[in-house]
Amino acid sequence: MTAHEPHEPHRPHEPPRLQEPHGPHGPHEPHGPSYSRGKVPGLFVNVDGTALHVLVEGRGPVCVLSAGLAMAWFDWDAVAAPLVAQGRTVVRFDRPGHGLSAPATAPPTTAGEAHRIAGLLDALGHGGPEAAPVTVVGHSIAAFHTEGFARLYPERTAALVLLDASVEEDPRTVLPAALRTGAARALGRAVTAAGLPAALGPAARRATVRASRTGGGDPAAPDLVRRCYRTGRVWRGALLENSRYLDMAAELEALRRVRPLTAPTTVLAGHDGTSGRGALRWLGRQADLADRLGARFEVAEPAGHLVMLDRPDQVARTVVETSGRRRRDAY
């Protein structure tokens, strides 16, 4: 099974538009975590010329969930359910080249991904002067994007949750960005031409998830894993995003100096419960990030890097609690 690719993306100057994904029998309505085989839940939303796959569920204050490198919308299933049950509108989307979204048209930047979240909210009707601020949740590398959103759009941010966030205390790049981007694109084309995504993609996804958890294997539906991870598009998207990892970290570092963070913030770190040097050092870096941001620091234990899979109830509870706190002094 191959992923449904969005067709004919709109030009960047056109306003964003919602489109229903199509399964083999035509358009259908979005539905919850019990996905029907062959159907794509959610909608495609055109933002700045790229068709993004997005799933919106529930009613109430808005929470935007953005997953880490090479992850997909369904990795939030176990978090979305309790948030919806507690009266939240949950928006989860695939960044370009991830999940079911169209390929990226340009390398990602921190500000660019923050603007993408804003554009997505606008397209979904959560923009404008009367729109209520939203809670943004960023996992891993997406923590760069969501913190960037909170700093660039303070009036639109009700709360920020950083989930086992990527941390770079002194981000420095060695090779020129253009060279790294070119190498990532060349590798992506070579991997795709060799047929590796179709042959190894789902197995690589399963192995990565298993290694990043303390609580078992990959809970994602096999047909969805095949649909996304057998495509070269997802591999190319992950390689491209990873090639700009340090650039995005450096961009956020510069943003921290000029754009204050005023939204209530929580850093929720995963810990596997061991006393190993690596695990304790990671906890220390997460605690230092929280101190620097003036954020509340929490630990999810036992949990691996994929905290939303190992401790989904705690993640949902943290989102609700953080969004209920008052705005604070800037950091």
C-alpha atoms as a PDB file:
ATOM      1  CA  MET A   1       0.000   0.000   0.000  1.00  0.00           C
ATOM      2  CA  THR A   2       1.390   3.406  -0.870  1.00  0.00           C
ATOM      3  CA  ALA A   3       0.577   6.781   0.600  1.00  0.00           C
ATOM      4  CA  HIS A   4      -2.051   8.949  -1.009  1.00  0.00           C
ATOM      5  CA  GLU A   5      -0.164  11.942  -2.380  1.00  0.00           C
ATOM      6  CA  PRO A   6      -1.983  15.294  -2.505  1.00  0.00           C
ATOM      7  CA  HIS A   7      -2.463  16.499  -6.065  1.00  0.00           C
ATOM      8  CA  GLU A   8      -2.041  19.932  -7.612  1.00  0.00           C
ATOM      9  CA  PRO A   9      -0.899  22.001  -4.623  1.00  0.00           C
ATOM     10  CA  HIS A  10      -2.181  25.575  -4.771  1.00  0.00           C
ATOM     11  CA  ARG A  11       0.231  28.403  -5.488  1.00  0.00           C
ATOM     12  CA  PRO A  12       1.588  30.167  -2.404  1.00  0.00           C
ATOM     13  CA  HIS A  13      -0.409  33.370  -3.064  1.00  0.00           C
ATOM     14  CA  GLU A  14      -3.715  31.531  -2.946  1.00  0.00           C
ATOM     15  CA  PRO A  15      -5.576  31.367   0.372  1.00  0.00           C
ATOM     16  CA  PRO A  16      -5.355  28.075   2.280  1.00  0.00           C
ATOM     17  CA  ARG A  17      -8.135  25.658   1.453  1.00  0.00           C
ATOM     18  CA  LEU A  18      -9.458  22.528   3.094  1.00  0.00           C
ATOM     19  CA  GLN A  19      -9.726  19.328   1.086  1.00  0.00           C
ATOM     20  CA  GLU A  20     -10.989  15.957   2.195  1.00  0.00           C
ATOM     21  CA  PRO A  21      -8.542  13.093   1.682  1.00  0.00           C
ATOM     22  CA  HIS A  22      -9.728  10.392  -0.657  1.00  0.00           C
ATOM     23  CA  GLY A  23      -9.688   6.697  -0.054  1.00  0.00           C
ATOM     24  CA  PRO A  24     -10.345   4.207  -2.837  1.00  0.00           C
ATOM     25  CA  HIS A  25     -14.067   5.035  -2.843  1.00  0.00           C
ATOM     26  CA  GLY A  26     -13.960   8.841  -2.780  1.00  0.00           C
ATOM     27  CA  PRO A  27     -14.189  11.549  -0.101  1.00  0.00           C
ATOM     28  CA  HIS A  28     -15.018  10.674   3.460  1.00  0.00           C
ATOM     29  CA  GLU A  29     -15.368  12.357   6.810  1.00  0.00           C
ATOM     30  CA  PRO A  30     -12.539  12.353   9.373  1.00  0.00           C
ATOM     31  CA  HIS A  31     -12.901   9.862  12.160  1.00  0.00           C
ATOM     32  CA  GLY A  32     -11.098   8.842  15.323  1.00  0.00           C
ATOM     33  CA  PRO A  33      -8.307   6.397  16.157  1.00  0.00           C
ATOM     34  CA  SER A  34     -10.233   3.340  14.882  1.00  0.00           C
ATOM     35  CA  TYR A  35      -9.192   3.922  11.284  1.00  0.00           C
ATOM     36  CA  SER A  36     -10.868   2.015   8.475  1.00  0.00           C
ATOM     37  CA  ARG A  37      -8.504   0.219   6.166  1.00  0.00           C
ATOM     38  CA  GLY A  38      -7.838   2.141   2.962  1.00  0.00           C
ATOM     39  CA  LYS A  39      -9.202   5.446   4.265  1.00  0.00           C
ATOM     40  CA  VAL A  40      -7.271   8.516   5.282  1.00  0.00           C
ATOM     41  CA  PRO A  41      -8.607  10.280   8.394  1.00  0.00           C
ATOM     42  CA  GLY A  42      -8.623  14.040   8.450  1.00  0.00           C
ATOM     43  CA  LEU A  43      -8.174  16.727   5.812  1.00  0.00           C
ATOM     44  CA  PHE A  44      -5.543  18.205   3.533  1.00  0.00           C
ATOM     45  CA  VAL A  45      -4.958  21.906   4.164  1.00  0.00           C
ATOM     46  CA  ASN A  46      -2.974  24.008   1.736  1.00  0.00           C
ATOM     47  CA  VAL A  47      -0.593  26.318   3.596  1.00  0.00           C
ATOM     48  CA  ASP A  48       1.927  28.383   1.625  1.00  0.00           C
ATOM     49  CA  GLY A  49       1.716  26.070  -1.349  1.00  0.00           C
ATOM     50  CA  THR A  50       2.143  22.789   0.540  1.00  0.00           C
ATOM     51  CA  ALA A  51      -0.697  20.349   1.191  1.00  0.00           C
ATOM     52  CA  LEU A  52      -0.582  19.409   4.870  1.00  0.00           C
ATOM     53  CA  HIS A  53      -2.435  16.448   6.313  1.00  0.00           C
ATOM     54  CA  VAL A  54      -4.295  17.421   9.498  1.00  0.00           C
ATOM     55  CA  LEU A  55      -6.751  15.703  11.833  1.00  0.00           C
ATOM     56  CA  VAL A  56      -9.038  17.822  14.035  1.00  0.00           C
ATOM     57  CA  GLU A  57     -11.076  16.248  16.842  1.00  0.00           C
ATOM     58  CA  GLY A  58     -13.192  17.473  19.748  1.00  0.00           C
ATOM     59  CA  ARG A  59     -14.575  20.793  20.890  1.00  0.00           C
ATOM     60  CA  GLY A  60     -13.248  23.465  23.223  1.00  0.00           C
ATOM     61  CA  PRO A  61      -9.881  25.206  23.695  1.00  0.00           C
ATOM     62  CA  VAL A  62      -7.413  24.286  20.946  1.00  0.00           C
ATOM     63  CA  CYS A  63      -4.320  22.141  21.465  1.00  0.00           C
ATOM     64  CA  VAL A  64      -1.840  21.733  18.592  1.00  0.00           C
ATOM     65  CA  LEU A  65       0.316  18.591  18.728  1.00  0.00           C
ATOM     66  CA  SER A  66       3.526  18.425  16.672  1.00  0.00           C
ATOM     67  CA  ALA A  67       5.604  15.233  16.708  1.00  0.00           C
ATOM     68  CA  GLY A  68       9.320  14.629  16.373  1.00  0.00           C
ATOM     69  CA  LEU A  69      11.452  13.713  13.390  1.00  0.00           C
ATOM     70  CA  ALA A  70       9.859  11.173  11.026  1.00  0.00           C
ATOM     71  CA  MET A  71       6.814  10.689  13.271  1.00  0.00           C
ATOM     72  CA  ALA A  72       3.181  10.926  12.124  1.00  0.00           C
ATOM     73  CA  TRP A  73      -0.202  12.157  13.305  1.00  0.00           C
ATOM     74  CA  PHE A  74      -1.232   8.726  14.617  1.00  0.00           C
ATOM     75  CA  ASP A  75       1.595   8.747  17.159  1.00  0.00           C
ATOM     76  CA  TRP A  76      -0.609  11.117  19.192  1.00  0.00           C
ATOM     77  CA  ASP A  77      -3.658   8.813  19.265  1.00  0.00           C
ATOM     78  CA  ALA A  78      -3.351   7.896  22.943  1.00  0.00           C
ATOM     79  CA  VAL A  79      -2.854  11.554  23.952  1.00  0.00           C
ATOM     80  CA  ALA A  80      -5.610  12.965  21.750  1.00  0.00           C
ATOM     81  CA  ALA A  81      -8.312  10.730  23.205  1.00  0.00           C
ATOM     82  CA  PRO A  82      -8.091  11.983  26.842  1.00  0.00           C
ATOM     83  CA  LEU A  83      -7.677  15.586  25.661  1.00  0.00           C
ATOM     84  CA  VAL A  84     -10.880  15.343  23.635  1.00  0.00           C
ATOM     85  CA  ALA A  85     -12.597  13.720  26.615  1.00  0.00           C
ATOM     86  CA  GLN A  86     -11.559  16.707  28.748  1.00  0.00           C
ATOM     87  CA  GLY A  87     -13.147  19.215  26.385  1.00  0.00           C
ATOM     88  CA  ARG A  88     -10.288  20.148  24.076  1.00  0.00           C
ATOM     89  CA  THR A  89     -10.099  20.616  20.322  1.00  0.00           C
ATOM     90  CA  VAL A  90      -7.057  18.602  19.266  1.00  0.00           C
ATOM     91  CA  VAL A  91      -5.215  19.562  16.080  1.00  0.00           C
ATOM     92  CA  ARG A  92      -2.486  17.191  14.946  1.00  0.00           C
ATOM     93  CA  PHE A  93      -0.741  17.542  11.623  1.00  0.00           C
ATOM     94  CA  ASP A  94       2.087  16.145   9.544  1.00  0.00           C
ATOM     95  CA  ARG A  95       4.881  18.522   8.638  1.00  0.00           C
ATOM     96  CA  PRO A  96       5.976  18.554   4.969  1.00  0.00           C
ATOM     97  CA  GLY A  97       7.469  15.211   4.000  1.00  0.00           C
ATOM     98  CA  HIS A  98       6.063  13.537   7.111  1.00  0.00           C
ATOM     99  CA  GLY A  99       3.034  11.273   7.503  1.00  0.00           C
ATOM    100  CA  LEU A 100       0.742  11.982   4.568  1.00  0.00           C
ATOM    101  CA  SER A 101       1.728  15.599   3.884  1.00  0.00           C
ATOM    102  CA  ALA A 102       3.206  16.701   0.566  1.00  0.00           C
ATOM    103  CA  PRO A 103       6.995  16.964   0.224  1.00  0.00           C
ATOM    104  CA  ALA A 104       8.778  20.030   1.500  1.00  0.00           C
ATOM    105  CA  THR A 105       9.376  22.755  -1.073  1.00  0.00           C
ATOM    106  CA  ALA A 106      12.279  24.230   0.934  1.00  0.00           C
ATOM    107  CA  PRO A 107      14.463  23.246   3.896  1.00  0.00           C
ATOM    108  CA  PRO A 108      12.772  23.903   7.250  1.00  0.00           C
ATOM    109  CA  THR A 109      13.569  26.795   9.563  1.00  0.00           C
ATOM    110  CA  THR A 110      12.391  27.482  13.101  1.00  0.00           C
ATOM    111  CA  ALA A 111      10.519  30.616  12.087  1.00  0.00           C
ATOM    112  CA  GLY A 112       9.166  28.927   8.979  1.00  0.00           C
ATOM    113  CA  GLU A 113       7.675  26.072  10.992  1.00  0.00           C
ATOM    114  CA  ALA A 114       6.241  28.537  13.527  1.00  0.00           C
ATOM    115  CA  HIS A 115       4.589  30.428  10.674  1.00  0.00           C
ATOM    116  CA  ARG A 116       3.312  27.122   9.285  1.00  0.00           C
ATOM    117  CA  ILE A 117       1.478  26.433  12.569  1.00  0.00           C
ATOM    118  CA  ALA A 118      -0.040  29.908  12.390  1.00  0.00           C
ATOM    119  CA  GLY A 119      -1.099  29.390   8.778  1.00  0.00           C
ATOM    120  CA  LEU A 120      -2.630  26.035   9.605  1.00  0.00           C
ATOM    121  CA  LEU A 121      -4.656  27.550  12.438  1.00  0.00           C
ATOM    122  CA  ASP A 122      -5.814  30.326  10.118  1.00  0.00           C
ATOM    123  CA  ALA A 123      -6.944  27.777   7.543  1.00  0.00           C
ATOM    124  CA  LEU A 124      -8.874  25.864  10.181  1.00  0.00           C
ATOM    125  CA  GLY A 125     -10.717  28.979  11.328  1.00  0.00           C
ATOM    126  CA  HIS A 126      -8.693  29.555  14.501  1.00  0.00           C
ATOM    127  CA  GLY A 127      -7.136  32.839  13.374  1.00  0.00           C
ATOM    128  CA  GLY A 128      -8.173  36.472  13.463  1.00  0.00           C
ATOM    129  CA  PRO A 129      -8.481  38.988  16.288  1.00  0.00           C
ATOM    130  CA  GLU A 130     -11.326  37.133  18.018  1.00  0.00           C
ATOM    131  CA  ALA A 131      -9.679  33.709  17.997  1.00  0.00           C
ATOM    132  CA  ALA A 132      -8.747  32.317  21.409  1.00  0.00           C
ATOM    133  CA  PRO A 133      -5.060  31.552  22.015  1.00  0.00           C
ATOM    134  CA  VAL A 134      -3.986  27.934  21.654  1.00  0.00           C
ATOM    135  CA  THR A 135      -1.795  25.487  23.540  1.00  0.00           C
ATOM    136  CA  VAL A 136       1.126  24.209  21.459  1.00  0.00           C
ATOM    137  CA  VAL A 137       2.869  20.918  22.240  1.00  0.00           C
ATOM    138  CA  GLY A 138       6.179  20.074  20.601  1.00  0.00           C
ATOM    139  CA  HIS A 139       7.954  16.732  20.848  1.00  0.00           C
ATOM    140  CA  SER A 140      11.694  16.373  20.237  1.00  0.00           C
ATOM    141  CA  ILE A 141      12.781  18.543  17.266  1.00  0.00           C
ATOM    142  CA  ALA A 142       9.258  20.003  17.059  1.00  0.00           C
ATOM    143  CA  ALA A 143       9.986  21.701  20.396  1.00  0.00           C
ATOM    144  CA  PHE A 144      12.090  24.154  18.368  1.00  0.00           C
ATOM    145  CA  HIS A 145       9.058  24.944  16.202  1.00  0.00           C
ATOM    146  CA  THR A 146       6.517  25.283  18.985  1.00  0.00           C
ATOM    147  CA  GLU A 147       8.762  27.429  21.184  1.00  0.00           C
ATOM    148  CA  GLY A 148       9.374  29.543  18.085  1.00  0.00           C
ATOM    149  CA  PHE A 149       5.606  29.889  17.645  1.00  0.00           C
ATOM    150  CA  ALA A 150       5.159  30.917  21.283  1.00  0.00           C
ATOM    151  CA  ARG A 151       7.839  33.600  20.908  1.00  0.00           C
ATOM    152  CA  LEU A 152       6.735  34.893  17.505  1.00  0.00           C
ATOM    153  CA  TYR A 153       3.003  34.734  18.275  1.00  0.00           C
ATOM    154  CA  PRO A 154       2.681  35.449  22.019  1.00  0.00           C
ATOM    155  CA  GLU A 155      -0.857  36.787  21.610  1.00  0.00           C
ATOM    156  CA  ARG A 156      -1.910  33.497  19.990  1.00  0.00           C
ATOM    157  CA  THR A 157      -0.260  31.222  22.591  1.00  0.00           C
ATOM    158  CA  ALA A 158      -2.144  30.133  25.695  1.00  0.00           C
ATOM    159  CA  ALA A 159       0.488  27.638  26.865  1.00  0.00           C
ATOM    160  CA  LEU A 160       3.557  25.729  25.698  1.00  0.00           C
ATOM    161  CA  VAL A 161       4.502  22.130  26.487  1.00  0.00           C
ATOM    162  CA  LEU A 162       7.908  20.813  25.429  1.00  0.00           C
ATOM    163  CA  LEU A 163       7.911  17.023  25.419  1.00  0.00           C
ATOM    164  CA  ASP A 164      11.367  15.429  25.770  1.00  0.00           C
ATOM    165  CA  ALA A 165      12.569  18.413  23.794  1.00  0.00           C
ATOM    166  CA  SER A 166      15.632  18.591  21.609  1.00  0.00           C
ATOM    167  CA  VAL A 167      18.294  20.590  23.445  1.00  0.00           C
ATOM    168  CA  GLU A 168      21.400  22.245  21.999  1.00  0.00           C
ATOM    169  CA  GLU A 169      23.249  24.425  24.474  1.00  0.00           C
ATOM    170  CA  ASP A 170      25.773  25.768  21.931  1.00  0.00           C
ATOM    171  CA  PRO A 171      24.542  24.954  18.422  1.00  0.00           C
ATOM    172  CA  ARG A 172      27.226  25.365  15.784  1.00  0.00           C
ATOM    173  CA  THR A 173      27.274  24.096  12.239  1.00  0.00           C
ATOM    174  CA  VAL A 174      30.421  22.899  10.512  1.00  0.00           C
ATOM    175  CA  LEU A 175      29.511  22.440   6.875  1.00  0.00           C
ATOM    176  CA  PRO A 176      27.590  25.068   4.877  1.00  0.00           C
ATOM    177  CA  ALA A 177      23.806  24.654   5.015  1.00  0.00           C
ATOM    178  CA  ALA A 178      23.523  24.343   1.223  1.00  0.00           C
ATOM    179  CA  LEU A 179      26.049  21.493   1.205  1.00  0.00           C
ATOM    180  CA  ARG A 180      24.230  19.607   3.962  1.00  0.00           C
ATOM    181  CA  THR A 181      20.868  20.115   2.275  1.00  0.00           C
ATOM    182  CA  GLY A 182      22.230  18.935  -1.056  1.00  0.00           C
ATOM    183  CA  ALA A 183      23.730  15.843   0.545  1.00  0.00           C
ATOM    184  CA  ALA A 184      20.436  15.038   2.317  1.00  0.00           C
ATOM    185  CA  ARG A 185      18.492  15.368  -0.920  1.00  0.00           C
ATOM    186  CA  ALA A 186      20.985  13.254  -2.843  1.00  0.00           C
ATOM    187  CA  LEU A 187      20.882  10.553  -0.179  1.00  0.00           C
ATOM    188  CA  GLY A 188      17.090  10.627  -0.168  1.00  0.00           C
ATOM    189  CA  ARG A 189      16.965  10.164  -3.942  1.00  0.00           C
ATOM    190  CA  ALA A 190      19.484   7.336  -3.786  1.00  0.00           C
ATOM    191  CA  VAL A 191      17.647   5.544  -0.987  1.00  0.00           C
ATOM    192  CA  THR A 192      14.367   5.861  -2.862  1.00  0.00           C
ATOM    193  CA  ALA A 193      15.860   4.704  -6.174  1.00  0.00           C
ATOM    194  CA  ALA A 194      17.326   1.660  -4.451  1.00  0.00           C
ATOM    195  CA  GLY A 195      13.856   0.687  -3.204  1.00  0.00           C
ATOM    196  CA  LEU A 196      14.852   0.781   0.462  1.00  0.00           C
ATOM    197  CA  PRO A 197      11.707   2.539   1.729  1.00  0.00           C
ATOM    198  CA  ALA A 198       9.447  -0.117   0.225  1.00  0.00           C
ATOM    199  CA  ALA A 199      11.681  -2.920   1.431  1.00  0.00           C
ATOM    200  CA  LEU A 200      12.733  -1.698   4.860  1.00  0.00           C
ATOM    201  CA  GLY A 201      10.672   1.379   5.748  1.00  0.00           C
ATOM    202  CA  PRO A 202       7.984  -0.181   7.958  1.00  0.00           C
ATOM    203  CA  ALA A 203      10.501  -2.448   9.703  1.00  0.00           C
ATOM    204  CA  ALA A 204      12.828   0.493  10.347  1.00  0.00           C
ATOM    205  CA  ARG A 205       9.938   2.474  11.797  1.00  0.00           C
ATOM    206  CA  ARG A 206       8.947  -0.420  14.073  1.00  0.00           C
ATOM    207  CA  ALA A 207      12.521  -0.939  15.285  1.00  0.00           C
ATOM    208  CA  THR A 208      13.031   2.770  15.976  1.00  0.00           C
ATOM    209  CA  VAL A 209       9.814   3.033  17.976  1.00  0.00           C
ATOM    210  CA  ARG A 210      10.638  -0.085  19.975  1.00  0.00           C
ATOM    211  CA  ALA A 211      14.097   1.273  20.828  1.00  0.00           C
ATOM    212  CA  SER A 212      12.639   4.643  21.868  1.00  0.00           C
ATOM    213  CA  ARG A 213      10.139   3.258  24.381  1.00  0.00           C
ATOM    214  CA  THR A 214      10.141   1.544  27.742  1.00  0.00           C
ATOM    215  CA  GLY A 215       6.623   0.187  27.364  1.00  0.00           C
ATOM    216  CA  GLY A 216       6.660  -2.161  24.382  1.00  0.00           C
ATOM    217  CA  GLY A 217       6.485  -2.038  20.613  1.00  0.00           C
ATOM    218  CA  ASP A 218       4.835   0.130  18.021  1.00  0.00           C
ATOM    219  CA  PRO A 219       1.066   0.496  18.632  1.00  0.00           C
ATOM    220  CA  ALA A 220       0.399   2.069  15.225  1.00  0.00           C
ATOM    221  CA  ALA A 221      -1.877   0.192  12.819  1.00  0.00           C
ATOM    222  CA  PRO A 222       0.204  -1.832  10.326  1.00  0.00           C
ATOM    223  CA  ASP A 223      -1.661  -0.464   7.292  1.00  0.00           C
ATOM    224  CA  LEU A 224      -0.943   3.130   8.370  1.00  0.00           C
ATOM    225  CA  VAL A 225       2.726   2.342   8.935  1.00  0.00           C
ATOM    226  CA  ARG A 226       2.939   0.802   5.467  1.00  0.00           C
ATOM    227  CA  ARG A 227       1.023   3.686   3.943  1.00  0.00           C
ATOM    228  CA  CYS A 228       3.511   6.245   5.278  1.00  0.00           C
ATOM    229  CA  TYR A 229       6.842   4.506   5.662  1.00  0.00           C
ATOM    230  CA  ARG A 230       7.011   2.588   2.402  1.00  0.00           C
ATOM    231  CA  THR A 231       7.267   5.938   0.588  1.00  0.00           C
ATOM    232  CA  GLY A 232      10.515   7.641  -0.303  1.00  0.00           C
ATOM    233  CA  ARG A 233       8.744  10.936   0.423  1.00  0.00           C
ATOM    234  CA  VAL A 234       8.857  10.337   4.184  1.00  0.00           C
ATOM    235  CA  TRP A 235      12.493   9.251   4.149  1.00  0.00           C
ATOM    236  CA  ARG A 236      13.444  12.310   2.092  1.00  0.00           C
ATOM    237  CA  GLY A 237      11.455  14.565   4.413  1.00  0.00           C
ATOM    238  CA  ALA A 238      13.180  13.216   7.518  1.00  0.00           C
ATOM    239  CA  LEU A 239      16.646  13.513   5.970  1.00  0.00           C
ATOM    240  CA  LEU A 240      15.985  17.087   4.856  1.00  0.00           C
ATOM    241  CA  GLU A 241      14.672  18.137   8.261  1.00  0.00           C
ATOM    242  CA  ASN A 242      17.562  16.450  10.066  1.00  0.00           C
ATOM    243  CA  SER A 243      20.084  18.238   7.830  1.00  0.00           C
ATOM    244  CA  ARG A 244      18.867  21.573   9.244  1.00  0.00           C
ATOM    245  CA  TYR A 245      18.656  20.470  12.881  1.00  0.00           C
ATOM    246  CA  LEU A 246      21.568  22.606  14.149  1.00  0.00           C
ATOM    247  CA  ASP A 247      20.501  25.558  12.015  1.00  0.00           C
ATOM    248  CA  MET A 248      17.055  25.501  13.627  1.00  0.00           C
ATOM    249  CA  ALA A 249      18.628  25.217  17.079  1.00  0.00           C
ATOM    250  CA  ALA A 250      20.854  28.229  16.379  1.00  0.00           C
ATOM    251  CA  GLU A 251      17.899  30.189  15.003  1.00  0.00           C
ATOM    252  CA  LEU A 252      15.896  29.506  18.163  1.00  0.00           C
ATOM    253  CA  GLU A 253      18.853  30.562  20.289  1.00  0.00           C
ATOM    254  CA  ALA A 254      18.916  33.910  18.479  1.00  0.00           C
ATOM    255  CA  LEU A 255      15.149  34.226  18.801  1.00  0.00           C
ATOM    256  CA  ARG A 256      15.380  33.759  22.573  1.00  0.00           C
ATOM    257  CA  ARG A 257      17.476  36.916  22.797  1.00  0.00           C
ATOM    258  CA  VAL A 258      14.944  39.172  21.090  1.00  0.00           C
ATOM    259  CA  ARG A 259      11.512  37.581  21.529  1.00  0.00           C
ATOM    260  CA  PRO A 260      10.361  36.972  25.122  1.00  0.00           C
ATOM    261  CA  LEU A 261       8.435  33.886  26.137  1.00  0.00           C
ATOM    262  CA  THR A 262       5.324  34.867  28.084  1.00  0.00           C
ATOM    263  CA  ALA A 263       3.139  31.757  27.870  1.00  0.00           C
ATOM    264  CA  PRO A 264       3.067  29.337  30.819  1.00  0.00           C
ATOM    265  CA  THR A 265       5.471  26.561  29.885  1.00  0.00           C
ATOM    266  CA  THR A 266       6.190  23.017  31.016  1.00  0.00           C
ATOM    267  CA  VAL A 267       9.165  20.855  30.072  1.00  0.00           C
ATOM    268  CA  LEU A 268       8.136  17.204  30.414  1.00  0.00           C
ATOM    269  CA  ALA A 269      11.098  14.845  30.170  1.00  0.00           C
ATOM    270  CA  GLY A 270      11.072  11.108  29.740  1.00  0.00           C
ATOM    271  CA  HIS A 271      13.192   8.939  32.066  1.00  0.00           C
ATOM    272  CA  ASP A 272      13.492   5.190  31.862  1.00  0.00           C
ATOM    273  CA  GLY A 273      13.956   4.844  35.620  1.00  0.00           C
ATOM    274  CA  THR A 274      17.615   3.845  35.494  1.00  0.00           C
ATOM    275  CA  SER A 275      20.590   5.572  37.111  1.00  0.00           C
ATOM    276  CA  GLY A 276      22.791   5.341  34.043  1.00  0.00           C
ATOM    277  CA  ARG A 277      25.034   8.279  33.248  1.00  0.00           C
ATOM    278  CA  GLY A 278      23.381   8.970  29.890  1.00  0.00           C
ATOM    279  CA  ALA A 279      19.857   8.919  31.288  1.00  0.00           C
ATOM    280  CA  LEU A 280      20.732  11.217  34.214  1.00  0.00           C
ATOM    281  CA  ARG A 281      22.642  13.608  31.972  1.00  0.00           C
ATOM    282  CA  TRP A 282      19.618  13.888  29.681  1.00  0.00           C
ATOM    283  CA  LEU A 283      17.392  14.657  32.665  1.00  0.00           C
ATOM    284  CA  GLY A 284      19.830  17.322  33.769  1.00  0.00           C
ATOM    285  CA  ARG A 285      19.794  18.966  30.341  1.00  0.00           C
ATOM    286  CA  GLN A 286      16.003  18.961  30.314  1.00  0.00           C
ATOM    287  CA  ALA A 287      15.925  20.502  33.802  1.00  0.00           C
ATOM    288  CA  ASP A 288      18.417  23.158  32.701  1.00  0.00           C
ATOM    289  CA  LEU A 289      16.185  23.974  29.719  1.00  0.00           C
ATOM    290  CA  ALA A 290      13.224  24.417  32.043  1.00  0.00           C
ATOM    291  CA  ASP A 291      15.256  26.718  34.308  1.00  0.00           C
ATOM    292  CA  ARG A 292      16.360  28.804  31.367  1.00  0.00           C
ATOM    293  CA  LEU A 293      12.811  29.192  30.080  1.00  0.00           C
ATOM    294  CA  GLY A 294      11.317  29.841  33.510  1.00  0.00           C
ATOM    295  CA  ALA A 295       9.241  26.714  32.920  1.00  0.00           C
ATOM    296  CA  ARG A 296       7.830  24.074  35.171  1.00  0.00           C
ATOM    297  CA  PHE A 297       9.833  20.837  35.013  1.00  0.00           C
ATOM    298  CA  GLU A 298       8.221  17.404  35.189  1.00  0.00           C
ATOM    299  CA  VAL A 299       9.471  13.869  34.677  1.00  0.00           C
ATOM    300  CA  ALA A 300       7.523  11.049  33.049  1.00  0.00           C
ATOM    301  CA  GLU A 301       8.759   7.745  34.459  1.00  0.00           C
ATOM    302  CA  PRO A 302       9.174   5.136  33.205  1.00  0.00           C
ATOM    303  CA  ALA A 303       9.252   6.515  29.688  1.00  0.00           C
ATOM    304  CA  GLY A 304      11.547   6.594  26.714  1.00  0.00           C
ATOM    305  CA  HIS A 305      11.944   9.394  24.218  1.00  0.00           C
ATOM    306  CA  LEU A 306       8.472   8.663  22.811  1.00  0.00           C
ATOM    307  CA  VAL A 307       6.769   9.869  25.971  1.00  0.00           C
ATOM    308  CA  MET A 308       3.409  10.199  24.214  1.00  0.00           C
ATOM    309  CA  LEU A 309       3.391   6.428  23.690  1.00  0.00           C
ATOM    310  CA  ASP A 310       4.722   5.397  27.106  1.00  0.00           C
ATOM    311  CA  ARG A 311       2.855   7.911  29.305  1.00  0.00           C
ATOM    312  CA  PRO A 312      -0.021   9.357  27.251  1.00  0.00           C
ATOM    313  CA  ASP A 313      -2.267  10.098  30.238  1.00  0.00           C
ATOM    314  CA  GLN A 314       0.474  12.075  31.946  1.00  0.00           C
ATOM    315  CA  VAL A 315       1.151  14.021  28.739  1.00  0.00           C
ATOM    316  CA  ALA A 316      -2.547  14.885  28.415  1.00  0.00           C
ATOM    317  CA  ARG A 317      -2.749  15.871  32.074  1.00  0.00           C
ATOM    318  CA  THR A 318       0.312  18.116  31.715  1.00  0.00           C
ATOM    319  CA  VAL A 319      -1.200  19.815  28.660  1.00  0.00           C
ATOM    320  CA  VAL A 320      -4.431  20.561  30.513  1.00  0.00           C
ATOM    321  CA  GLU A 321      -2.665  21.750  33.668  1.00  0.00           C
ATOM    322  CA  THR A 322      -0.248  23.999  31.784  1.00  0.00           C
ATOM    323  CA  SER A 323      -3.021  25.587  29.735  1.00  0.00           C
ATOM    324  CA  GLY A 324      -4.837  26.392  32.987  1.00  0.00           C
ATOM    325  CA  ARG A 325      -1.959  28.421  34.411  1.00  0.00           C
ATOM    326  CA  ARG A 326      -1.705  32.195  34.155  1.00  0.00           C
ATOM    327  CA  ARG A 327       0.591  34.019  31.791  1.00  0.00           C
ATOM    328  CA  ARG A 328       3.834  34.987  33.432  1.00  0.00           C
ATOM    329  CA  ASP A 329       6.832  37.249  33.245  1.00  0.00           C
ATOM    330  CA  ALA A 330       8.859  37.043  30.050  1.00  0.00           C
ATOM    331  CA  TYR A 331      11.887  34.768  29.620  1.00  0.00           C
END
